[in-house]
């Protein structure tokens, strides 16, 4: 009986280390470029990456950022978005991006397109950099 319990614990620990986030479903090893934010085309370069288990990172027009990713695919939930502190002309737009990113609740990867959306239907559309 004791051996069976150890096997169950070992299997559950192995399962806990699997990446079930959007990164595991086509998001990893890609640099995603923000193309649309709330049905508005974006010309300001902003990236999103999935550098490791349960992590996101990227580059805004002014600052780099990183955060924890908490939810399994297709859900999307970030926590503790941290940015560097560089000021630039596009800082207000970067603030809008970070606020929108923090509010996203779903993710969908389809080929070279990543769509994040919130419960109100607002979307962020990213395309994979070639």
N, C-alpha and C. Protein backbone atom coordinates (compact mmCIF):
# COMPACT_ATOMS: atom_id res chain seq x y z
N UNK A 1 0.82 -1.19 0.00
CA UNK A 1 0.00 0.00 0.00
C UNK A 1 0.86 1.25 0.00
N UNK A 2 1.92 1.24 0.81
CA UNK A 2 2.81 2.40 0.88
C UNK A 2 3.46 2.67 -0.47
N UNK A 3 3.86 1.62 -1.17
CA UNK A 3 4.50 1.77 -2.48
C UNK A 3 3.53 2.39 -3.49
N UNK A 4 2.27 2.00 -3.45
CA UNK A 4 1.27 2.57 -4.36
C UNK A 4 1.11 4.06 -4.11
N UNK A 5 1.13 4.47 -2.86
CA UNK A 5 1.03 5.90 -2.54
C UNK A 5 2.23 6.67 -3.09
N UNK A 6 3.42 6.09 -2.98
CA UNK A 6 4.61 6.75 -3.52
C UNK A 6 4.53 6.90 -5.04
N UNK A 7 4.02 5.90 -5.71
CA UNK A 7 3.88 5.96 -7.16
C UNK A 7 2.89 7.06 -7.55
N UNK A 8 1.79 7.14 -6.84
CA UNK A 8 0.80 8.18 -7.13
C UNK A 8 1.39 9.57 -6.91
N UNK A 9 2.13 9.74 -5.82
CA UNK A 9 2.76 11.03 -5.55
C UNK A 9 3.78 11.37 -6.64
N UNK A 10 4.59 10.40 -7.04
CA UNK A 10 5.59 10.64 -8.08
C UNK A 10 4.93 11.02 -9.40
N UNK A 11 3.86 10.34 -9.77
CA UNK A 11 3.16 10.67 -11.00
C UNK A 11 2.52 12.05 -10.94
N UNK A 12 1.96 12.40 -9.80
CA UNK A 12 1.35 13.73 -9.69
C UNK A 12 2.39 14.83 -9.74
N UNK A 13 3.57 14.61 -9.19
CA UNK A 13 4.64 15.60 -9.27
C UNK A 13 5.13 15.77 -10.69
N UNK A 14 5.22 14.68 -11.44
CA UNK A 14 5.61 14.76 -12.85
C UNK A 14 4.58 15.56 -13.62
N UNK A 15 3.32 15.33 -13.35
CA UNK A 15 2.26 16.07 -14.03
C UNK A 15 2.34 17.56 -13.72
N UNK A 16 2.72 17.92 -12.53
CA UNK A 16 2.78 19.33 -12.13
C UNK A 16 3.85 20.10 -12.89
N UNK A 17 4.85 19.43 -13.41
CA UNK A 17 5.91 20.13 -14.12
C UNK A 17 5.64 20.26 -15.61
N UNK A 18 4.57 19.68 -16.11
CA UNK A 18 4.21 19.84 -17.52
C UNK A 18 3.66 21.22 -17.74
N UNK A 19 4.01 21.80 -18.88
CA UNK A 19 3.49 23.12 -19.23
C UNK A 19 2.15 22.95 -19.90
N UNK A 20 1.11 23.44 -19.26
CA UNK A 20 -0.24 23.37 -19.81
C UNK A 20 -0.72 24.75 -20.27
N UNK A 21 0.18 25.73 -20.30
CA UNK A 21 -0.20 27.07 -20.71
C UNK A 21 -0.18 27.20 -22.22
N UNK A 22 -0.50 28.38 -22.71
CA UNK A 22 -0.52 28.65 -24.14
C UNK A 22 0.83 28.34 -24.79
N UNK A 23 1.91 28.44 -24.05
CA UNK A 23 3.24 28.15 -24.59
C UNK A 23 3.33 26.73 -25.12
N UNK A 24 2.69 25.79 -24.46
CA UNK A 24 2.74 24.39 -24.86
C UNK A 24 1.88 24.10 -26.09
N UNK A 25 1.05 25.02 -26.46
CA UNK A 25 0.12 24.80 -27.58
C UNK A 25 0.48 25.66 -28.78
N UNK A 26 1.75 25.86 -29.01
CA UNK A 26 2.20 26.59 -30.17
C UNK A 26 2.78 27.95 -29.88
N UNK A 27 2.79 28.34 -28.62
CA UNK A 27 3.28 29.67 -28.28
C UNK A 27 4.75 29.75 -27.96
N UNK A 28 5.34 28.64 -27.55
CA UNK A 28 6.75 28.64 -27.15
C UNK A 28 7.66 28.78 -28.36
N UNK A 29 8.88 29.21 -28.11
CA UNK A 29 9.91 29.34 -29.14
C UNK A 29 9.52 30.28 -30.26
N UNK A 30 8.62 31.18 -30.01
CA UNK A 30 8.22 32.18 -30.99
C UNK A 30 8.25 33.55 -30.34
N UNK A 31 8.47 34.55 -31.16
CA UNK A 31 8.32 35.93 -30.72
C UNK A 31 7.03 36.41 -31.36
N UNK A 32 6.09 36.82 -30.52
CA UNK A 32 4.80 37.28 -31.00
C UNK A 32 4.80 38.80 -31.03
N UNK A 33 4.36 39.37 -32.15
CA UNK A 33 4.31 40.82 -32.35
C UNK A 33 2.85 41.26 -32.28
N UNK A 34 2.58 42.27 -31.45
CA UNK A 34 1.22 42.78 -31.32
C UNK A 34 0.80 43.45 -32.64
N UNK A 35 -0.31 42.98 -33.22
CA UNK A 35 -0.83 43.53 -34.47
C UNK A 35 -2.08 44.36 -34.25
N UNK A 36 -2.93 43.93 -33.30
CA UNK A 36 -4.17 44.64 -33.01
C UNK A 36 -4.42 44.64 -31.51
N UNK A 37 -4.96 45.74 -31.04
CA UNK A 37 -5.37 45.87 -29.65
C UNK A 37 -6.76 46.47 -29.65
N UNK A 38 -7.76 45.67 -29.31
CA UNK A 38 -9.14 46.15 -29.29
C UNK A 38 -9.62 46.64 -30.64
N UNK A 39 -9.41 45.87 -31.68
CA UNK A 39 -9.82 46.18 -33.07
C UNK A 39 -9.08 47.37 -33.68
N UNK A 40 -8.01 47.81 -33.07
CA UNK A 40 -7.19 48.90 -33.61
C UNK A 40 -5.85 48.31 -34.06
N UNK A 41 -5.45 48.59 -35.29
CA UNK A 41 -4.14 48.17 -35.77
C UNK A 41 -3.07 48.87 -34.94
N UNK A 42 -1.98 48.16 -34.69
CA UNK A 42 -0.90 48.69 -33.87
C UNK A 42 0.35 48.86 -34.73
N UNK A 43 0.93 50.04 -34.71
CA UNK A 43 2.16 50.29 -35.44
C UNK A 43 3.37 50.35 -34.53
N UNK A 44 3.13 50.42 -33.23
CA UNK A 44 4.20 50.48 -32.24
C UNK A 44 4.68 49.06 -31.94
N UNK A 45 5.99 48.80 -32.03
CA UNK A 45 6.47 47.44 -31.82
C UNK A 45 6.37 47.00 -30.36
N UNK A 46 5.61 45.92 -30.14
CA UNK A 46 5.48 45.30 -28.82
C UNK A 46 5.54 43.79 -29.02
N UNK A 47 6.35 43.12 -28.22
CA UNK A 47 6.50 41.68 -28.34
C UNK A 47 6.00 40.96 -27.10
N UNK A 48 5.69 39.68 -27.30
CA UNK A 48 5.30 38.77 -26.23
C UNK A 48 6.02 37.46 -26.49
N UNK A 49 6.66 36.92 -25.46
CA UNK A 49 7.32 35.62 -25.56
C UNK A 49 6.95 34.77 -24.35
N UNK A 50 7.24 33.49 -24.46
CA UNK A 50 7.01 32.52 -23.39
C UNK A 50 8.34 31.86 -23.07
N UNK A 51 9.19 32.53 -22.27
CA UNK A 51 10.57 32.08 -22.09
C UNK A 51 10.76 30.85 -21.20
N UNK A 52 9.77 30.47 -20.45
CA UNK A 52 9.93 29.33 -19.57
C UNK A 52 8.60 28.94 -18.96
N UNK A 53 8.62 27.85 -18.26
CA UNK A 53 7.42 27.30 -17.64
C UNK A 53 6.74 28.35 -16.76
N UNK A 54 5.49 28.69 -17.13
CA UNK A 54 4.72 29.63 -16.34
C UNK A 54 5.20 31.06 -16.38
N UNK A 55 5.88 31.46 -17.45
CA UNK A 55 6.42 32.82 -17.55
C UNK A 55 6.05 33.44 -18.90
N UNK A 56 5.86 34.75 -18.91
CA UNK A 56 5.79 35.51 -20.14
C UNK A 56 6.79 36.65 -20.02
N UNK A 57 7.19 37.19 -21.15
CA UNK A 57 8.10 38.32 -21.18
C UNK A 57 7.90 39.03 -22.50
N UNK A 58 8.47 40.22 -22.61
CA UNK A 58 8.38 40.92 -23.86
C UNK A 58 9.05 42.27 -23.80
N UNK A 59 8.94 42.95 -24.94
CA UNK A 59 9.52 44.27 -25.10
C UNK A 59 8.45 45.22 -25.58
N UNK A 60 8.21 46.27 -24.82
CA UNK A 60 7.30 47.32 -25.24
C UNK A 60 8.08 48.39 -25.98
N UNK A 61 7.43 49.47 -26.35
CA UNK A 61 8.15 50.53 -27.03
C UNK A 61 9.18 51.21 -26.12
N UNK A 62 8.99 51.12 -24.81
CA UNK A 62 9.89 51.76 -23.86
C UNK A 62 10.63 50.77 -22.96
N UNK A 63 9.93 49.74 -22.51
CA UNK A 63 10.44 48.88 -21.44
C UNK A 63 10.30 47.40 -21.77
N UNK A 64 11.12 46.61 -21.11
CA UNK A 64 10.91 45.17 -21.13
C UNK A 64 9.97 44.84 -19.98
N UNK A 65 9.31 43.69 -20.08
CA UNK A 65 8.40 43.27 -19.01
C UNK A 65 8.48 41.76 -18.85
N UNK A 66 8.05 41.32 -17.70
CA UNK A 66 7.97 39.89 -17.40
C UNK A 66 6.82 39.68 -16.41
N UNK A 67 6.28 38.47 -16.42
CA UNK A 67 5.18 38.15 -15.50
C UNK A 67 5.05 36.65 -15.35
N UNK A 68 4.31 36.26 -14.34
CA UNK A 68 3.92 34.86 -14.16
C UNK A 68 2.68 34.60 -15.00
N UNK A 69 2.58 33.39 -15.51
CA UNK A 69 1.36 32.96 -16.21
C UNK A 69 0.79 31.80 -15.40
N UNK A 70 -0.48 31.93 -15.01
CA UNK A 70 -1.05 31.02 -14.03
C UNK A 70 -2.04 30.00 -14.56
N UNK A 71 -2.64 30.22 -15.70
CA UNK A 71 -3.78 29.40 -16.13
C UNK A 71 -3.40 28.44 -17.26
N UNK A 72 -4.04 27.27 -17.29
CA UNK A 72 -3.80 26.33 -18.39
C UNK A 72 -4.56 26.76 -19.65
N UNK A 73 -4.02 26.37 -20.79
CA UNK A 73 -4.65 26.66 -22.08
C UNK A 73 -6.03 26.03 -22.14
N UNK A 74 -7.03 26.71 -22.62
CA UNK A 74 -7.02 27.96 -23.36
C UNK A 74 -7.18 29.21 -22.49
N UNK A 75 -7.15 29.06 -21.19
CA UNK A 75 -7.29 30.21 -20.30
C UNK A 75 -5.98 30.97 -20.27
N UNK A 76 -6.06 32.21 -19.88
CA UNK A 76 -4.88 33.07 -19.83
C UNK A 76 -5.02 33.97 -18.62
N UNK A 77 -4.05 33.88 -17.74
CA UNK A 77 -4.06 34.71 -16.53
C UNK A 77 -2.63 35.03 -16.15
N UNK A 78 -2.35 36.32 -16.01
CA UNK A 78 -1.02 36.75 -15.61
C UNK A 78 -1.05 37.28 -14.18
N UNK A 79 0.11 37.33 -13.59
CA UNK A 79 0.25 37.91 -12.25
C UNK A 79 1.60 38.60 -12.16
N UNK A 80 1.64 39.68 -11.43
CA UNK A 80 2.89 40.39 -11.14
C UNK A 80 3.64 40.83 -12.39
N UNK A 81 2.97 41.57 -13.26
CA UNK A 81 3.66 42.11 -14.43
C UNK A 81 4.63 43.18 -13.94
N UNK A 82 5.90 42.99 -14.24
CA UNK A 82 6.96 43.89 -13.81
C UNK A 82 7.64 44.46 -15.05
N UNK A 83 7.86 45.77 -15.04
CA UNK A 83 8.52 46.44 -16.17
C UNK A 83 9.76 47.19 -15.70
N UNK A 84 10.67 47.39 -16.66
CA UNK A 84 11.77 48.31 -16.39
C UNK A 84 11.18 49.72 -16.35
N UNK A 85 11.99 50.72 -16.07
CA UNK A 85 11.46 52.06 -15.82
C UNK A 85 12.03 53.11 -16.78
N UNK A 86 11.97 52.83 -18.07
CA UNK A 86 12.42 53.80 -19.06
C UNK A 86 11.24 54.61 -19.55
N UNK A 87 11.43 55.90 -19.69
CA UNK A 87 10.38 56.78 -20.18
C UNK A 87 10.60 57.03 -21.67
N UNK A 88 9.51 57.12 -22.43
CA UNK A 88 9.61 57.46 -23.84
C UNK A 88 8.26 58.02 -24.30
N UNK A 89 8.19 58.45 -25.54
CA UNK A 89 6.98 59.07 -26.07
C UNK A 89 5.79 58.11 -26.11
N UNK A 90 6.04 56.82 -26.21
CA UNK A 90 4.97 55.82 -26.31
C UNK A 90 4.61 55.17 -24.98
N UNK A 91 5.01 55.77 -23.88
CA UNK A 91 4.76 55.17 -22.56
C UNK A 91 3.27 55.03 -22.26
N UNK A 92 2.45 55.98 -22.66
CA UNK A 92 1.01 55.89 -22.41
C UNK A 92 0.42 54.68 -23.14
N UNK A 93 0.85 54.43 -24.38
CA UNK A 93 0.37 53.27 -25.11
C UNK A 93 0.86 51.98 -24.46
N UNK A 94 2.10 51.98 -24.01
CA UNK A 94 2.64 50.82 -23.32
C UNK A 94 1.82 50.52 -22.06
N UNK A 95 1.43 51.56 -21.34
CA UNK A 95 0.59 51.38 -20.15
C UNK A 95 -0.75 50.73 -20.53
N UNK A 96 -1.34 51.17 -21.64
CA UNK A 96 -2.60 50.58 -22.12
C UNK A 96 -2.40 49.10 -22.45
N UNK A 97 -1.29 48.78 -23.10
CA UNK A 97 -0.98 47.39 -23.45
C UNK A 97 -0.87 46.52 -22.19
N UNK A 98 -0.10 46.97 -21.22
CA UNK A 98 0.09 46.18 -20.00
C UNK A 98 -1.23 46.01 -19.26
N UNK A 99 -2.04 47.05 -19.20
CA UNK A 99 -3.34 46.94 -18.55
C UNK A 99 -4.23 45.94 -19.29
N UNK A 100 -4.23 46.00 -20.62
CA UNK A 100 -5.03 45.06 -21.40
C UNK A 100 -4.52 43.63 -21.22
N UNK A 101 -3.20 43.45 -21.26
CA UNK A 101 -2.61 42.12 -21.09
C UNK A 101 -3.00 41.52 -19.75
N UNK A 102 -2.98 42.32 -18.71
CA UNK A 102 -3.33 41.85 -17.37
C UNK A 102 -4.80 41.44 -17.28
N UNK A 103 -5.64 41.96 -18.16
CA UNK A 103 -7.07 41.65 -18.12
C UNK A 103 -7.51 40.52 -19.04
N UNK A 104 -6.58 39.96 -19.81
CA UNK A 104 -6.95 38.88 -20.73
C UNK A 104 -7.23 37.58 -19.97
N UNK A 105 -8.22 36.82 -20.44
CA UNK A 105 -8.63 35.61 -19.73
C UNK A 105 -8.62 34.35 -20.61
N UNK A 106 -8.49 34.51 -21.93
CA UNK A 106 -8.48 33.37 -22.84
C UNK A 106 -7.39 33.54 -23.88
N UNK A 107 -6.90 32.41 -24.40
CA UNK A 107 -5.90 32.44 -25.46
C UNK A 107 -6.26 31.42 -26.52
N UNK A 108 -5.85 31.73 -27.74
CA UNK A 108 -6.09 30.82 -28.87
C UNK A 108 -4.92 30.95 -29.83
N UNK A 109 -4.28 29.82 -30.13
CA UNK A 109 -3.20 29.80 -31.10
C UNK A 109 -3.72 29.10 -32.34
N UNK A 110 -3.56 29.75 -33.48
CA UNK A 110 -3.96 29.17 -34.76
C UNK A 110 -2.87 29.50 -35.77
N UNK A 111 -2.00 28.53 -36.03
CA UNK A 111 -0.88 28.76 -36.94
C UNK A 111 0.03 29.84 -36.41
N UNK A 112 0.18 30.91 -37.19
CA UNK A 112 1.07 32.00 -36.80
C UNK A 112 0.33 33.17 -36.14
N UNK A 113 -0.88 32.89 -35.64
CA UNK A 113 -1.68 33.93 -34.98
C UNK A 113 -1.99 33.51 -33.55
N UNK A 114 -1.81 34.43 -32.63
CA UNK A 114 -2.17 34.24 -31.23
C UNK A 114 -3.20 35.31 -30.89
N UNK A 115 -4.34 34.89 -30.38
CA UNK A 115 -5.38 35.83 -29.98
C UNK A 115 -5.60 35.68 -28.48
N UNK A 116 -5.52 36.79 -27.77
CA UNK A 116 -5.88 36.84 -26.35
C UNK A 116 -7.17 37.64 -26.27
N UNK A 117 -8.08 37.21 -25.41
CA UNK A 117 -9.33 37.98 -25.25
C UNK A 117 -9.74 37.97 -23.79
N UNK A 118 -10.58 38.96 -23.46
CA UNK A 118 -11.09 39.02 -22.09
C UNK A 118 -12.57 38.65 -22.07
N UNK A 119 -13.17 38.65 -20.91
CA UNK A 119 -14.57 38.25 -20.76
C UNK A 119 -15.54 39.18 -21.47
N UNK A 120 -15.13 40.42 -21.72
CA UNK A 120 -15.98 41.39 -22.42
C UNK A 120 -15.83 41.30 -23.94
N UNK A 121 -14.94 40.42 -24.42
CA UNK A 121 -14.76 40.24 -25.86
C UNK A 121 -13.67 41.09 -26.47
N UNK A 122 -12.96 41.89 -25.68
CA UNK A 122 -11.86 42.69 -26.21
C UNK A 122 -10.71 41.75 -26.56
N UNK A 123 -10.07 41.99 -27.71
CA UNK A 123 -9.02 41.09 -28.18
C UNK A 123 -7.69 41.80 -28.38
N UNK A 124 -6.65 41.00 -28.21
CA UNK A 124 -5.29 41.38 -28.57
C UNK A 124 -4.84 40.33 -29.59
N UNK A 125 -4.44 40.76 -30.78
CA UNK A 125 -4.02 39.84 -31.83
C UNK A 125 -2.53 40.00 -32.05
N UNK A 126 -1.82 38.88 -31.99
CA UNK A 126 -0.37 38.84 -32.19
C UNK A 126 -0.09 37.95 -33.41
N UNK A 127 0.97 38.27 -34.13
CA UNK A 127 1.44 37.42 -35.22
C UNK A 127 2.86 36.99 -34.90
N UNK A 128 3.19 35.76 -35.28
CA UNK A 128 4.53 35.24 -35.01
C UNK A 128 5.54 35.90 -35.94
N UNK A 129 6.66 36.28 -35.38
CA UNK A 129 7.75 36.84 -36.19
C UNK A 129 8.38 35.68 -36.95
N UNK A 130 8.62 35.88 -38.22
CA UNK A 130 9.26 34.82 -39.04
C UNK A 130 10.71 34.67 -38.73
